[in-house]
N, C-alpha and C. Protein backbone atom coordinates (compact mmCIF):
# COMPACT_ATOMS: atom_id res chain seq x y z
N MET A 1 -32.45 23.28 -58.81
CA MET A 1 -31.41 22.60 -57.92
C MET A 1 -30.18 22.31 -58.81
N VAL A 2 -29.05 22.62 -58.18
CA VAL A 2 -27.80 22.47 -58.90
C VAL A 2 -26.99 21.32 -58.39
N LYS A 3 -26.61 20.37 -59.26
CA LYS A 3 -25.90 19.19 -58.82
C LYS A 3 -24.41 19.56 -58.63
N LYS A 4 -23.82 19.00 -57.70
CA LYS A 4 -22.55 19.17 -57.34
C LYS A 4 -21.63 18.11 -58.20
N SER A 5 -20.62 18.66 -58.74
CA SER A 5 -19.77 17.74 -59.48
C SER A 5 -18.88 16.93 -58.62
N THR A 6 -18.71 15.68 -58.81
CA THR A 6 -17.96 14.84 -57.93
C THR A 6 -16.71 14.47 -58.70
N THR A 7 -15.54 14.42 -57.96
CA THR A 7 -14.38 14.08 -58.62
C THR A 7 -13.88 12.76 -58.12
N ARG A 8 -12.96 12.08 -58.69
CA ARG A 8 -12.50 10.85 -58.27
C ARG A 8 -11.84 11.01 -56.94
N ALA A 9 -11.18 12.04 -56.62
CA ALA A 9 -10.54 12.19 -55.34
C ALA A 9 -11.48 12.34 -54.28
N ALA A 10 -12.66 12.85 -54.50
CA ALA A 10 -13.64 12.94 -53.51
C ALA A 10 -14.33 11.61 -53.16
N LYS A 11 -14.30 10.75 -54.23
CA LYS A 11 -15.00 9.42 -54.07
C LYS A 11 -14.09 8.41 -53.32
N LYS A 12 -12.72 8.71 -53.42
CA LYS A 12 -11.82 7.70 -52.64
C LYS A 12 -12.05 7.76 -51.20
N VAL A 13 -12.07 6.64 -50.62
CA VAL A 13 -12.21 6.46 -49.27
C VAL A 13 -10.86 6.43 -48.60
N ALA A 14 -10.69 7.19 -47.51
CA ALA A 14 -9.43 7.25 -46.84
C ALA A 14 -9.04 5.73 -46.32
N ALA A 15 -7.82 5.41 -46.58
CA ALA A 15 -7.36 4.06 -46.18
C ALA A 15 -7.26 4.08 -44.61
N THR A 16 -7.66 2.93 -44.07
CA THR A 16 -7.55 2.79 -42.65
C THR A 16 -6.25 2.33 -42.38
N PRO A 17 -5.68 2.86 -41.21
CA PRO A 17 -4.29 2.50 -40.84
C PRO A 17 -4.26 1.08 -40.44
N LYS A 18 -3.08 0.44 -40.70
CA LYS A 18 -2.86 -0.90 -40.35
C LYS A 18 -2.75 -1.07 -38.90
N LYS A 19 -3.10 -2.28 -38.43
CA LYS A 19 -3.13 -2.69 -37.10
C LYS A 19 -1.76 -2.38 -36.35
N SER A 20 -0.76 -2.64 -37.11
CA SER A 20 0.59 -2.47 -36.44
C SER A 20 0.96 -1.05 -36.11
N THR A 21 0.37 -0.09 -36.94
CA THR A 21 0.64 1.37 -36.61
C THR A 21 -0.24 1.70 -35.39
N ILE A 22 -1.40 1.13 -35.32
CA ILE A 22 -2.23 1.47 -34.23
C ILE A 22 -1.57 0.97 -32.91
N ALA A 23 -1.23 -0.27 -33.00
CA ALA A 23 -0.60 -0.92 -31.71
C ALA A 23 0.61 -0.07 -31.35
N SER A 24 1.42 0.37 -32.23
CA SER A 24 2.67 1.18 -31.93
C SER A 24 2.28 2.44 -31.26
N LYS A 25 1.18 3.00 -31.53
CA LYS A 25 0.76 4.31 -30.96
C LYS A 25 0.24 4.04 -29.56
N LEU A 26 -0.36 2.88 -29.37
CA LEU A 26 -1.02 2.59 -28.00
C LEU A 26 -0.10 1.63 -27.20
N LYS A 27 1.12 2.13 -26.85
CA LYS A 27 1.99 1.34 -26.06
C LYS A 27 1.54 1.27 -24.58
N ALA A 28 1.67 0.03 -24.07
CA ALA A 28 1.36 -0.17 -22.52
C ALA A 28 2.39 0.49 -21.79
N PRO A 29 2.02 1.01 -20.59
CA PRO A 29 2.99 1.66 -19.78
C PRO A 29 3.93 0.68 -19.22
N LYS A 30 5.25 1.06 -18.97
CA LYS A 30 6.17 0.08 -18.51
C LYS A 30 5.84 -0.17 -17.02
N VAL A 31 5.90 -1.46 -16.72
CA VAL A 31 5.54 -1.93 -15.41
C VAL A 31 6.88 -2.47 -14.77
N THR A 32 7.25 -1.91 -13.65
CA THR A 32 8.43 -2.34 -13.02
C THR A 32 8.21 -3.55 -12.21
N ALA A 33 9.19 -4.27 -11.73
CA ALA A 33 9.12 -5.48 -11.06
C ALA A 33 8.51 -5.25 -9.68
N ILE A 34 8.87 -4.20 -8.96
CA ILE A 34 8.24 -3.98 -7.71
C ILE A 34 6.79 -3.61 -7.76
N GLU A 35 6.39 -3.05 -8.84
CA GLU A 35 4.92 -2.71 -9.01
C GLU A 35 4.18 -4.03 -9.32
N LYS A 36 4.69 -4.73 -10.12
CA LYS A 36 4.01 -6.05 -10.52
C LYS A 36 3.97 -7.01 -9.27
N VAL A 37 4.94 -7.11 -8.40
CA VAL A 37 4.99 -7.97 -7.31
C VAL A 37 4.02 -7.42 -6.25
N CYS A 38 3.91 -6.13 -6.07
CA CYS A 38 3.11 -5.65 -5.09
C CYS A 38 1.55 -5.75 -5.49
N GLU A 39 1.25 -5.76 -6.78
CA GLU A 39 0.01 -6.01 -7.19
C GLU A 39 -0.30 -7.50 -6.89
N ALA A 40 0.53 -8.38 -7.18
CA ALA A 40 0.26 -9.82 -6.86
C ALA A 40 0.14 -10.01 -5.36
N VAL A 41 0.98 -9.36 -4.49
CA VAL A 41 0.89 -9.48 -3.09
C VAL A 41 -0.50 -8.91 -2.54
N LEU A 42 -0.90 -7.82 -3.18
CA LEU A 42 -2.20 -7.29 -2.81
C LEU A 42 -3.37 -8.27 -3.07
N ILE A 43 -3.29 -8.88 -4.22
CA ILE A 43 -4.32 -9.95 -4.63
C ILE A 43 -4.27 -11.04 -3.64
N LYS A 44 -3.06 -11.52 -3.27
CA LYS A 44 -3.01 -12.66 -2.32
C LYS A 44 -3.45 -12.24 -0.85
N LEU A 45 -3.12 -10.99 -0.35
CA LEU A 45 -3.58 -10.60 0.89
C LEU A 45 -5.12 -10.41 0.85
N LYS A 46 -5.70 -9.98 -0.18
CA LYS A 46 -7.12 -9.93 -0.31
C LYS A 46 -7.77 -11.31 -0.27
N SER A 47 -7.14 -12.18 -0.95
CA SER A 47 -7.77 -13.57 -0.98
C SER A 47 -7.65 -14.25 0.28
N LEU A 48 -6.61 -14.03 1.07
CA LEU A 48 -6.42 -14.60 2.35
C LEU A 48 -7.05 -13.76 3.45
N ASN A 49 -7.61 -12.65 3.07
CA ASN A 49 -8.18 -11.75 4.03
C ASN A 49 -7.26 -11.45 5.29
N LEU A 50 -6.03 -11.07 4.92
CA LEU A 50 -5.06 -10.78 5.90
C LEU A 50 -4.69 -9.27 5.88
N GLU A 51 -4.35 -8.64 7.08
CA GLU A 51 -3.83 -7.37 7.19
C GLU A 51 -4.50 -6.33 6.35
N LEU A 52 -5.72 -5.97 6.73
CA LEU A 52 -6.55 -5.00 6.02
C LEU A 52 -5.84 -3.58 5.93
N THR A 53 -5.01 -3.23 6.88
CA THR A 53 -4.40 -1.92 6.91
C THR A 53 -3.25 -1.98 5.85
N LEU A 54 -2.57 -3.12 5.72
CA LEU A 54 -1.49 -3.26 4.92
C LEU A 54 -2.01 -3.29 3.50
N GLN A 55 -3.15 -3.92 3.19
CA GLN A 55 -3.84 -3.83 1.92
C GLN A 55 -4.01 -2.41 1.51
N ALA A 56 -4.67 -1.66 2.37
CA ALA A 56 -4.94 -0.26 2.16
C ALA A 56 -3.64 0.55 1.83
N ASP A 57 -2.59 0.27 2.57
CA ASP A 57 -1.36 0.94 2.43
C ASP A 57 -0.76 0.67 1.03
N ILE A 58 -0.80 -0.74 0.65
CA ILE A 58 -0.24 -1.08 -0.70
C ILE A 58 -1.04 -0.41 -1.79
N GLU A 59 -2.35 -0.36 -1.66
CA GLU A 59 -3.25 0.20 -2.76
C GLU A 59 -2.81 1.76 -2.89
N TRP A 60 -2.65 2.41 -1.70
CA TRP A 60 -2.26 3.81 -1.71
C TRP A 60 -0.94 4.02 -2.39
N CYS A 61 0.02 3.16 -2.03
CA CYS A 61 1.43 3.27 -2.50
C CYS A 61 1.31 2.93 -3.98
N LEU A 62 0.61 2.01 -4.43
CA LEU A 62 0.55 1.70 -5.93
C LEU A 62 0.04 3.00 -6.72
N GLY A 63 -1.01 3.57 -6.07
CA GLY A 63 -1.51 4.80 -6.83
C GLY A 63 -0.58 5.88 -6.75
N SER A 64 0.20 6.13 -5.60
CA SER A 64 1.14 7.15 -5.58
C SER A 64 2.31 6.84 -6.50
N TYR A 65 2.71 5.67 -6.66
CA TYR A 65 3.83 5.32 -7.48
C TYR A 65 3.44 5.52 -8.94
N ARG A 66 2.15 5.28 -9.29
CA ARG A 66 1.75 5.44 -10.71
C ARG A 66 1.67 6.96 -11.05
N HIS A 67 1.43 7.75 -9.96
CA HIS A 67 1.43 9.23 -10.20
C HIS A 67 2.86 9.88 -10.22
N ASP A 68 3.64 9.47 -9.34
CA ASP A 68 4.98 10.27 -9.39
C ASP A 68 6.20 9.34 -9.57
N LYS A 69 6.06 8.09 -9.76
CA LYS A 69 7.09 7.13 -10.20
C LYS A 69 8.22 7.04 -9.11
N ASN A 70 7.84 7.29 -7.87
CA ASN A 70 8.76 7.14 -6.72
C ASN A 70 8.52 5.87 -6.04
N PRO A 71 9.24 4.84 -6.05
CA PRO A 71 9.03 3.53 -5.50
C PRO A 71 9.25 3.32 -4.02
N SER A 72 9.65 4.36 -3.35
CA SER A 72 10.16 4.19 -1.95
C SER A 72 8.96 3.53 -1.09
N GLY A 73 7.84 3.97 -1.30
CA GLY A 73 6.66 3.46 -0.40
C GLY A 73 6.40 1.97 -0.85
N LEU A 74 6.62 1.73 -2.13
CA LEU A 74 6.42 0.30 -2.45
C LEU A 74 7.35 -0.68 -1.92
N PHE A 75 8.57 -0.24 -1.78
CA PHE A 75 9.58 -0.98 -1.18
C PHE A 75 9.29 -1.28 0.28
N THR A 76 8.84 -0.12 1.02
CA THR A 76 8.56 -0.34 2.43
C THR A 76 7.39 -1.23 2.70
N MET A 77 6.38 -1.12 1.94
CA MET A 77 5.20 -2.05 2.01
C MET A 77 5.56 -3.40 1.62
N ALA A 78 6.44 -3.56 0.59
CA ALA A 78 6.86 -4.91 0.25
C ALA A 78 7.57 -5.68 1.33
N GLU A 79 8.38 -4.88 2.09
CA GLU A 79 9.15 -5.45 3.23
C GLU A 79 8.13 -5.95 4.29
N LYS A 80 7.17 -5.10 4.61
CA LYS A 80 6.16 -5.47 5.51
C LYS A 80 5.35 -6.70 5.09
N ALA A 81 5.03 -6.75 3.81
CA ALA A 81 4.22 -7.82 3.22
C ALA A 81 5.04 -9.08 3.24
N LEU A 82 6.32 -9.06 3.03
CA LEU A 82 7.20 -10.18 3.06
C LEU A 82 7.10 -10.78 4.49
N ALA A 83 7.24 -10.02 5.51
CA ALA A 83 7.20 -10.53 6.84
C ALA A 83 5.80 -11.25 7.22
N VAL A 84 4.67 -10.58 6.74
CA VAL A 84 3.37 -11.00 6.94
C VAL A 84 3.18 -12.41 6.22
N LEU A 85 3.55 -12.51 4.91
CA LEU A 85 3.44 -13.70 4.12
C LEU A 85 4.33 -14.81 4.53
N THR A 86 5.52 -14.54 4.99
CA THR A 86 6.37 -15.66 5.49
C THR A 86 5.85 -16.23 6.79
N THR A 87 5.22 -15.34 7.59
CA THR A 87 4.56 -15.84 8.81
C THR A 87 3.34 -16.65 8.51
N ASN A 88 2.61 -16.15 7.55
CA ASN A 88 1.43 -16.97 7.07
C ASN A 88 1.85 -18.33 6.47
N ARG A 89 2.86 -18.29 5.70
CA ARG A 89 3.28 -19.49 5.07
C ARG A 89 3.86 -20.50 6.05
N ALA A 90 4.31 -20.10 7.20
CA ALA A 90 4.76 -21.06 8.15
C ALA A 90 3.54 -21.78 8.86
N GLN A 91 2.44 -20.94 9.00
CA GLN A 91 1.27 -21.52 9.61
C GLN A 91 0.53 -22.33 8.43
N ASN A 92 0.50 -21.92 7.34
CA ASN A 92 -0.45 -22.55 6.25
C ASN A 92 0.47 -22.67 5.03
N ALA A 93 1.13 -23.71 4.78
CA ALA A 93 2.02 -23.80 3.65
C ALA A 93 1.33 -23.60 2.24
N LYS A 94 0.13 -24.11 2.17
CA LYS A 94 -0.65 -24.04 0.87
C LYS A 94 -1.22 -22.53 0.63
N GLY A 95 -1.33 -21.74 1.56
CA GLY A 95 -1.91 -20.52 1.45
C GLY A 95 -1.05 -19.51 0.67
N VAL A 96 0.24 -19.52 0.83
CA VAL A 96 1.11 -18.58 0.11
C VAL A 96 2.09 -19.34 -0.74
N PRO A 97 2.06 -19.16 -2.06
CA PRO A 97 3.00 -19.80 -2.90
C PRO A 97 4.40 -19.39 -2.82
N ALA A 98 5.25 -20.40 -2.85
CA ALA A 98 6.81 -20.04 -2.55
C ALA A 98 7.25 -19.06 -3.74
N SER A 99 6.67 -19.22 -4.89
CA SER A 99 7.12 -18.31 -5.98
C SER A 99 6.80 -16.84 -5.71
N LEU A 100 5.78 -16.55 -5.02
CA LEU A 100 5.45 -15.24 -4.73
C LEU A 100 6.40 -14.71 -3.75
N LEU A 101 6.73 -15.42 -2.78
CA LEU A 101 7.84 -15.00 -1.75
C LEU A 101 9.25 -14.79 -2.35
N LYS A 102 9.47 -15.72 -3.42
CA LYS A 102 10.71 -15.57 -4.22
C LYS A 102 10.74 -14.25 -4.98
N ASP A 103 9.64 -14.04 -5.66
CA ASP A 103 9.53 -12.81 -6.48
C ASP A 103 9.60 -11.55 -5.69
N LEU A 104 8.92 -11.67 -4.52
CA LEU A 104 8.92 -10.51 -3.66
C LEU A 104 10.44 -10.20 -3.08
N ALA A 105 11.14 -11.31 -2.74
CA ALA A 105 12.51 -11.06 -2.21
C ALA A 105 13.37 -10.53 -3.42
N SER A 106 13.29 -11.01 -4.48
CA SER A 106 14.05 -10.61 -5.64
C SER A 106 13.79 -9.14 -6.03
N ALA A 107 12.44 -8.72 -5.93
CA ALA A 107 12.05 -7.41 -6.23
C ALA A 107 12.79 -6.43 -5.16
N LEU A 108 12.82 -6.88 -3.87
CA LEU A 108 13.34 -6.07 -2.84
C LEU A 108 14.81 -5.90 -2.94
N LYS A 109 15.51 -6.90 -3.56
CA LYS A 109 16.97 -6.80 -3.83
C LYS A 109 17.23 -5.87 -4.94
N SER A 110 16.33 -5.55 -5.82
CA SER A 110 16.58 -4.60 -6.86
C SER A 110 16.52 -3.05 -6.31
N LYS A 111 16.37 -3.03 -5.07
CA LYS A 111 16.12 -1.68 -4.50
C LYS A 111 17.47 -0.90 -4.61
């Protein structure tokens, strides 16, 4: 049996990269205001069990937006959701937070 000679270079363990370099490589995708608001609206609609078809449309538009980055469908669904949520807020003031309506309206203005 022949022993292999080992060198110092072979014994050195590769240094692990610092966390900052790992974090810089794994950047989170940029989330636009309309996408963030539509996600919040979808959560609120689900919690209030309102407009199941609108929920499905928003989910579909979010997936479509993430694929092709075309926000036109999100703006259309956000307008419909604003009407539904303002109507629901008039009936039940505690059901829909005013901040959500404010965020939704400001995201629609950025159109």
